[in-house]
Amino acid sequence: MTDTNIPAVEEYLRTLQLRICSSLEDTDGGGKFRHDKWDRTGGGGGESRVLSDGNVFEQAGVGFSHVYGDEMPPSATRLRPQLAGKHFQAMGVSLVLHPHNPYVPTTHANFRFFSTDSDDGEPIWWFGGGFDLTPYYPFHDDVIHWHGKAKEACDPFGEDVYPKYKKWCDEYFYLKHRHETRGVGGLFFDDLNEAGFERSFAFLRAIGDQFLPAYLPIVKARQRHKYGERQREFQLYRRGRYVEFNLIYDRGTLFGLQSGGRTESILMSLPPRVRWEYNWQPEPGSPEADLYENYLRPRDWLSE
C-alpha cells in the first residue's frame, strides 16, 4: 500500500465541518451551532456541532471525530476477521439535517478514514462515506438534481463509479423489515483504497465538496412551501423509519457505540421529534401514497 498522509486527511475533514456549518447557518438565517468538544477515554475525541430550533432546521448535527485504540470494534472486523485485536485509528465527519418544513428533505452524509496495521507492520487503510436524501413530499426535479450532482462528482474518476456507488447506496439504505428504501438514495462507498492513497483521498474530497451544492438548492427551493398539520404529522411518522434504520442497521452508529465513543454525539443523528402509528397506510391517490409508490424503491433516476 502507498504511504498515507493522515494529517492532511484530518485538516480536510476539520475544514469541511467548518465550511458546512457556516453554510448551514447562512441558509438558516437565525440558528447558530453550539460547539461541544469531547474526549474519548480509550483515546482521541472530537467536536460535535448542533443547531437546534432554527428558522429552517429543527435540528442539524455536524460532528467531527478522531479516535484510536488498541482493539478494533466488532463492527469494523466483521468482514475483516484478520484485523481483530489490532490497533486502529478512525476519523470522519458525519452529519444529519432535520428541517422543520416537511417539503424539505432530511439528509445524511459522512466522510471517513480508517487505518490499522497488518501483521508485518504494513499500513492498512481505507476511505468511506457518501450522502443520501430522505424526502417526505418529494419533487422529481429535486431528486434529479441530487443524483446529477452525485454523478458530477464521480465522473472524473470513471464512468462506472456513479452507477456502482449509487447501487451500493440503494442496497445499504434499505429497511429489510419494511421492504422499502430509506429515501431516494445518493452515493455510498466503503473500503476505498485500490487506486492508492492520493486518488482515493481525492475522491473523498470530491464527494465532500459536492454535498452543499447538491443539498442547499433543494432547501432554498422548498423552505417556504406552505404546510399544515397533516404534512407535519406525516413527516414525524416517516422520521420513525430514520430511527429504525440508524438503530438497527447503521454501521457508523454501531462502530461509535462499540468503540466507546460519546453517546450524545453518536445519537445526535436522531430526529428531535418523531412518532409511530400502528399499521398506518397512505390513502390511495394521496401525496403520501406517491412517496410509497414511486420513490421508496431503487430507480435509475438520471436515465428517466
Protein backbone atom coordinates (compact mmCIF):
# COMPACT_ATOMS: atom_id res chain seq x y z
CA MET A 1 0.00 0.00 0.00
CA THR A 2 1.13 3.56 -0.58
CA ASP A 3 2.12 5.90 2.21
CA THR A 4 -0.70 7.78 3.87
CA ASN A 5 -0.93 11.41 4.90
CA ILE A 6 -3.15 11.32 7.96
CA PRO A 7 -2.58 14.99 8.94
CA ALA A 8 -3.86 16.06 5.51
CA VAL A 9 -7.00 13.97 5.94
CA GLU A 10 -7.64 15.45 9.37
CA GLU A 11 -7.12 19.00 8.10
CA TYR A 12 -9.55 18.45 5.25
CA LEU A 13 -12.23 16.93 7.48
CA ARG A 14 -11.98 19.66 10.10
CA THR A 15 -12.21 22.31 7.40
CA LEU A 16 -15.15 20.52 5.81
CA GLN A 17 -17.02 20.56 9.11
CA LEU A 18 -16.38 24.29 9.43
CA ARG A 19 -17.49 25.04 5.86
CA ILE A 20 -20.68 23.01 6.13
CA CYS A 21 -21.67 24.57 9.45
CA SER A 22 -21.01 28.09 8.16
CA SER A 23 -23.12 27.50 5.04
CA LEU A 24 -25.96 25.95 7.04
CA GLU A 25 -26.02 28.93 9.41
CA ASP A 26 -26.23 31.29 6.42
CA THR A 27 -29.07 29.23 4.93
CA ASP A 28 -30.96 29.02 8.22
CA GLY A 29 -30.70 32.75 8.81
CA GLY A 30 -31.23 32.52 12.55
CA GLY A 31 -29.89 29.41 14.24
CA LYS A 32 -26.29 29.05 15.38
CA PHE A 33 -24.29 25.91 16.00
CA ARG A 34 -23.18 25.27 19.55
CA HIS A 35 -19.76 23.61 19.79
CA ASP A 36 -19.18 20.68 22.11
CA LYS A 37 -15.65 19.24 22.27
CA TRP A 38 -15.25 15.83 23.87
CA ASP A 39 -12.55 13.31 24.76
CA ARG A 40 -12.73 9.54 24.46
CA THR A 41 -11.44 7.51 27.38
CA GLY A 42 -9.73 4.95 25.12
CA GLY A 43 -8.02 7.60 23.00
CA GLY A 44 -8.92 10.55 20.83
CA GLY A 45 -12.05 12.66 20.77
CA GLY A 46 -13.92 15.08 18.60
CA GLU A 47 -16.20 18.06 18.30
CA SER A 48 -19.97 17.95 17.89
CA ARG A 49 -21.75 20.97 16.46
CA VAL A 50 -25.53 21.12 16.82
CA LEU A 51 -28.03 23.73 15.64
CA SER A 52 -31.46 23.47 17.26
CA ASP A 53 -34.78 25.20 16.54
CA GLY A 54 -33.51 27.43 13.77
CA ASN A 55 -35.61 29.09 11.11
CA VAL A 56 -35.10 26.23 8.64
CA PHE A 57 -33.55 23.38 10.61
CA GLU A 58 -35.31 21.82 13.55
CA GLN A 59 -32.04 20.08 14.30
CA ALA A 60 -28.77 19.94 12.39
CA GLY A 61 -25.85 17.94 13.72
CA VAL A 62 -22.38 18.02 12.15
CA GLY A 63 -19.73 16.06 14.03
CA PHE A 64 -16.01 15.51 13.64
CA SER A 65 -14.24 12.68 15.44
CA HIS A 66 -10.72 11.26 15.52
CA VAL A 67 -10.49 8.22 17.76
CA TYR A 68 -7.91 5.48 18.24
CA GLY A 69 -7.45 2.42 20.37
CA ASP A 70 -5.75 -0.91 20.91
CA GLU A 71 -8.53 -3.18 19.68
CA MET A 72 -10.82 -2.74 16.69
CA PRO A 73 -14.57 -2.88 17.40
CA PRO A 74 -16.54 -5.89 16.11
CA SER A 75 -18.38 -3.74 13.54
CA ALA A 76 -15.03 -3.00 11.84
CA THR A 77 -13.81 -6.60 11.81
CA ARG A 78 -16.99 -8.41 10.77
CA LEU A 79 -15.76 -8.52 7.17
CA ARG A 80 -12.08 -8.43 8.18
CA PRO A 81 -11.66 -11.01 10.98
CA GLN A 82 -7.88 -10.99 10.46
CA LEU A 83 -7.80 -7.47 11.92
CA ALA A 84 -9.40 -8.41 15.23
CA GLY A 85 -7.32 -7.18 18.15
CA LYS A 86 -5.39 -4.65 16.04
CA HIS A 87 -4.60 -1.07 16.98
CA PHE A 88 -6.70 1.36 14.92
CA GLN A 89 -7.48 4.97 14.31
CA ALA A 90 -10.58 6.36 12.67
CA MET A 91 -11.63 9.87 11.77
CA GLY A 92 -14.55 11.37 9.98
CA VAL A 93 -17.24 13.98 9.57
CA SER A 94 -20.83 12.83 9.92
CA LEU A 95 -23.97 14.92 9.61
CA VAL A 96 -27.74 14.62 9.68
CA LEU A 97 -30.04 17.57 8.97
CA HIS A 98 -33.71 17.55 10.03
CA PRO A 99 -35.63 20.57 8.64
CA HIS A 100 -38.87 21.94 10.08
CA ASN A 101 -40.71 22.01 6.76
CA PRO A 102 -41.93 18.57 5.58
CA TYR A 103 -41.31 19.65 1.98
CA VAL A 104 -37.58 19.99 2.68
CA PRO A 105 -35.89 16.55 2.77
CA THR A 106 -33.85 15.20 5.61
CA THR A 107 -30.30 14.39 4.56
CA HIS A 108 -27.35 12.43 5.86
CA ALA A 109 -23.69 12.42 4.85
CA ASN A 110 -20.42 11.09 6.17
CA PHE A 111 -16.81 11.15 5.05
CA ARG A 112 -14.36 8.92 6.91
CA PHE A 113 -10.89 7.40 7.01
CA PHE A 114 -9.77 4.26 8.85
CA SER A 115 -6.30 2.82 9.35
CA THR A 116 -4.58 -0.05 11.12
CA ASP A 117 -1.51 -2.27 10.57
CA SER A 118 -1.08 -5.75 9.15
CA ASP A 119 0.87 -8.49 10.94
CA ASP A 120 4.06 -7.45 9.15
CA GLY A 121 3.64 -3.79 10.11
CA GLU A 122 2.41 -2.55 6.73
CA PRO A 123 -0.35 0.08 6.97
CA ILE A 124 -3.87 -0.94 6.07
CA TRP A 125 -6.26 1.92 5.38
CA TRP A 126 -9.44 2.79 3.56
CA PHE A 127 -11.87 5.64 2.92
CA GLY A 128 -15.65 5.51 3.04
CA GLY A 129 -18.69 7.72 3.03
CA GLY A 130 -21.31 9.28 0.81
CA PHE A 131 -24.57 11.18 1.05
CA ASP A 132 -28.25 10.30 0.75
CA LEU A 133 -31.59 12.12 0.66
CA THR A 134 -34.80 11.31 2.55
CA PRO A 135 -37.79 13.34 1.29
CA TYR A 136 -41.28 13.21 2.78
CA TYR A 137 -43.07 15.01 -0.05
CA PRO A 138 -40.64 14.53 -2.93
CA PHE A 139 -40.26 16.68 -6.02
CA HIS A 140 -38.99 14.81 -9.06
CA ASP A 141 -36.76 17.71 -10.15
CA ASP A 142 -35.08 17.74 -6.74
CA VAL A 143 -34.25 14.05 -6.98
CA ILE A 144 -32.80 14.51 -10.48
CA HIS A 145 -30.71 17.46 -9.26
CA TRP A 146 -29.43 15.43 -6.29
CA HIS A 147 -28.35 12.48 -8.39
CA GLY A 148 -26.97 14.76 -11.09
CA LYS A 149 -24.65 16.36 -8.55
CA ALA A 150 -23.64 12.93 -7.26
CA LYS A 151 -22.75 11.79 -10.77
CA GLU A 152 -20.91 15.05 -11.46
CA ALA A 153 -18.61 14.39 -8.50
CA CYS A 154 -17.96 10.80 -9.59
CA ASP A 155 -17.41 11.29 -13.32
CA PRO A 156 -13.72 12.37 -13.17
CA PHE A 157 -12.93 9.03 -11.51
CA GLY A 158 -14.52 6.79 -14.12
CA GLU A 159 -17.85 6.30 -15.86
CA ASP A 160 -18.59 3.21 -13.76
CA VAL A 161 -18.16 4.97 -10.40
CA TYR A 162 -21.54 6.68 -10.06
CA PRO A 163 -23.61 3.59 -11.03
CA LYS A 164 -21.57 1.43 -8.66
CA TYR A 165 -21.88 3.67 -5.61
CA LYS A 166 -25.46 4.67 -6.41
CA LYS A 167 -26.40 0.97 -6.38
CA TRP A 168 -24.47 0.42 -3.16
CA CYS A 169 -26.39 3.30 -1.56
CA ASP A 170 -29.75 1.85 -2.65
CA GLU A 171 -28.80 -1.50 -1.14
CA TYR A 172 -27.28 -0.14 2.05
CA PHE A 173 -30.06 2.30 2.99
CA TYR A 174 -32.74 -0.36 2.70
CA LEU A 175 -35.03 -1.31 5.56
CA LYS A 176 -35.37 -5.04 5.05
CA HIS A 177 -38.15 -5.39 7.59
CA ARG A 178 -40.18 -2.70 5.78
CA HIS A 179 -39.26 -3.70 2.21
CA GLU A 180 -38.53 -0.10 1.33
CA THR A 181 -35.57 2.21 0.87
CA ARG A 182 -35.00 4.92 3.47
CA GLY A 183 -35.25 7.60 0.80
CA VAL A 184 -34.16 8.25 -2.77
CA GLY A 185 -30.51 7.32 -2.27
CA GLY A 186 -27.37 9.02 -3.45
CA LEU A 187 -23.87 7.58 -3.01
CA PHE A 188 -22.34 5.10 -0.59
CA PHE A 189 -18.80 3.72 -0.71
CA ASP A 190 -16.51 1.87 1.66
CA ASP A 191 -13.16 0.05 1.66
CA LEU A 192 -11.82 2.53 -0.89
CA ASN A 193 -8.06 2.06 -1.35
CA GLU A 194 -7.40 0.21 -4.61
CA ALA A 195 -6.47 3.37 -6.54
CA GLY A 196 -3.83 4.38 -3.98
CA PHE A 197 -3.93 6.98 -1.26
CA GLU A 198 -3.77 10.18 -3.32
CA ARG A 199 -6.53 9.27 -5.76
CA SER A 200 -8.72 7.73 -3.05
CA PHE A 201 -8.32 10.85 -0.93
CA ALA A 202 -9.13 12.99 -3.97
CA PHE A 203 -12.37 11.06 -4.43
CA LEU A 204 -13.34 11.60 -0.79
CA ARG A 205 -12.73 15.34 -1.23
CA ALA A 206 -14.79 15.41 -4.44
CA ILE A 207 -17.77 13.86 -2.68
CA GLY A 208 -17.35 16.00 0.43
CA ASP A 209 -17.12 19.20 -1.61
CA GLN A 210 -20.24 18.29 -3.60
CA PHE A 211 -22.58 17.87 -0.63
CA LEU A 212 -23.55 21.52 -0.23
CA PRO A 213 -24.11 22.15 -3.98
CA ALA A 214 -26.32 19.06 -4.02
CA TYR A 215 -28.43 19.88 -0.96
CA LEU A 216 -28.69 23.63 -0.48
CA PRO A 217 -30.53 24.40 -3.75
CA ILE A 218 -33.24 21.94 -2.68
CA VAL A 219 -33.54 23.63 0.71
CA LYS A 220 -33.78 27.09 -0.82
CA ALA A 221 -36.42 25.94 -3.31
CA ARG A 222 -38.70 24.31 -0.71
CA GLN A 223 -38.13 26.02 2.64
CA ARG A 224 -41.07 28.44 2.23
CA HIS A 225 -43.51 25.85 0.93
CA LYS A 226 -46.76 26.07 2.91
CA TYR A 227 -47.69 23.05 5.04
CA GLY A 228 -50.21 22.11 7.69
CA GLU A 229 -50.79 19.59 10.46
CA ARG A 230 -51.30 16.69 8.02
CA GLN A 231 -47.91 17.20 6.40
CA ARG A 232 -46.19 17.69 9.75
CA GLU A 233 -47.74 14.52 11.20
CA PHE A 234 -46.63 12.53 8.16
CA GLN A 235 -43.11 13.91 8.46
CA LEU A 236 -42.95 12.84 12.11
CA TYR A 237 -44.26 9.39 11.20
CA ARG A 238 -41.69 8.91 8.43
CA ARG A 239 -38.92 10.08 10.74
CA GLY A 240 -39.59 6.87 12.61
CA ARG A 241 -38.10 5.00 9.68
CA TYR A 242 -34.94 7.05 10.14
CA VAL A 243 -34.74 5.96 13.76
CA GLU A 244 -35.32 2.33 12.83
CA PHE A 245 -32.51 2.32 10.29
CA ASN A 246 -29.99 4.09 12.48
CA LEU A 247 -30.54 1.84 15.47
CA ILE A 248 -30.84 -1.46 13.59
CA TYR A 249 -28.54 -1.25 10.57
CA ASP A 250 -26.26 1.78 10.54
CA ARG A 251 -22.56 0.83 10.67
CA GLY A 252 -21.45 4.22 11.93
CA THR A 253 -23.80 4.06 14.91
CA LEU A 254 -22.63 0.54 15.76
CA PHE A 255 -18.96 1.47 15.39
CA GLY A 256 -19.34 4.54 17.58
CA LEU A 257 -21.10 2.66 20.37
CA GLN A 258 -18.81 -0.38 20.20
CA SER A 259 -15.66 1.75 20.20
CA GLY A 260 -16.70 3.63 23.32
CA GLY A 261 -17.49 6.87 21.54
CA ARG A 262 -19.54 9.64 23.10
CA THR A 263 -23.17 8.52 23.10
CA GLU A 264 -24.66 12.02 22.79
CA SER A 265 -22.55 12.70 19.71
CA ILE A 266 -23.33 9.33 18.14
CA LEU A 267 -27.09 9.67 18.61
CA MET A 268 -27.36 13.34 17.61
CA SER A 269 -28.39 12.00 14.19
CA LEU A 270 -31.80 11.04 15.59
CA PRO A 271 -34.67 13.45 14.95
CA PRO A 272 -35.75 15.66 17.88
CA ARG A 273 -39.42 14.78 17.35
CA VAL A 274 -40.87 11.57 15.93
CA ARG A 275 -43.99 9.44 16.17
CA TRP A 276 -45.13 5.89 15.42
CA GLU A 277 -48.62 4.70 14.49
CA TYR A 278 -49.80 1.11 14.32
CA ASN A 279 -50.29 -0.23 10.80
CA TRP A 280 -50.63 3.19 9.17
CA GLN A 281 -51.38 3.13 5.42
CA PRO A 282 -51.50 6.08 2.99
CA GLU A 283 -54.77 6.99 1.31
CA PRO A 284 -54.85 5.81 -2.33
CA GLY A 285 -54.01 8.63 -4.72
CA SER A 286 -52.65 10.89 -1.97
CA PRO A 287 -49.28 12.69 -1.96
CA GLU A 288 -48.24 10.33 0.83
CA ALA A 289 -49.06 7.34 -1.38
CA ASP A 290 -46.93 8.89 -4.13
CA LEU A 291 -43.89 8.64 -1.86
CA TYR A 292 -44.51 4.95 -1.21
CA GLU A 293 -45.38 4.00 -4.76
CA ASN A 294 -42.81 5.99 -6.72
CA TYR A 295 -39.87 6.90 -4.52
CA LEU A 296 -39.14 4.26 -1.85
CA ARG A 297 -37.53 1.85 -4.28
CA PRO A 298 -34.36 1.93 -6.37
CA ARG A 299 -34.74 3.78 -9.66
CA ASP A 300 -32.32 4.81 -12.37
CA TRP A 301 -33.20 8.47 -11.88
CA LEU A 302 -30.84 10.02 -14.42
CA SER A 303 -31.91 7.76 -17.30
CA GLU A 304 -35.52 8.84 -16.67
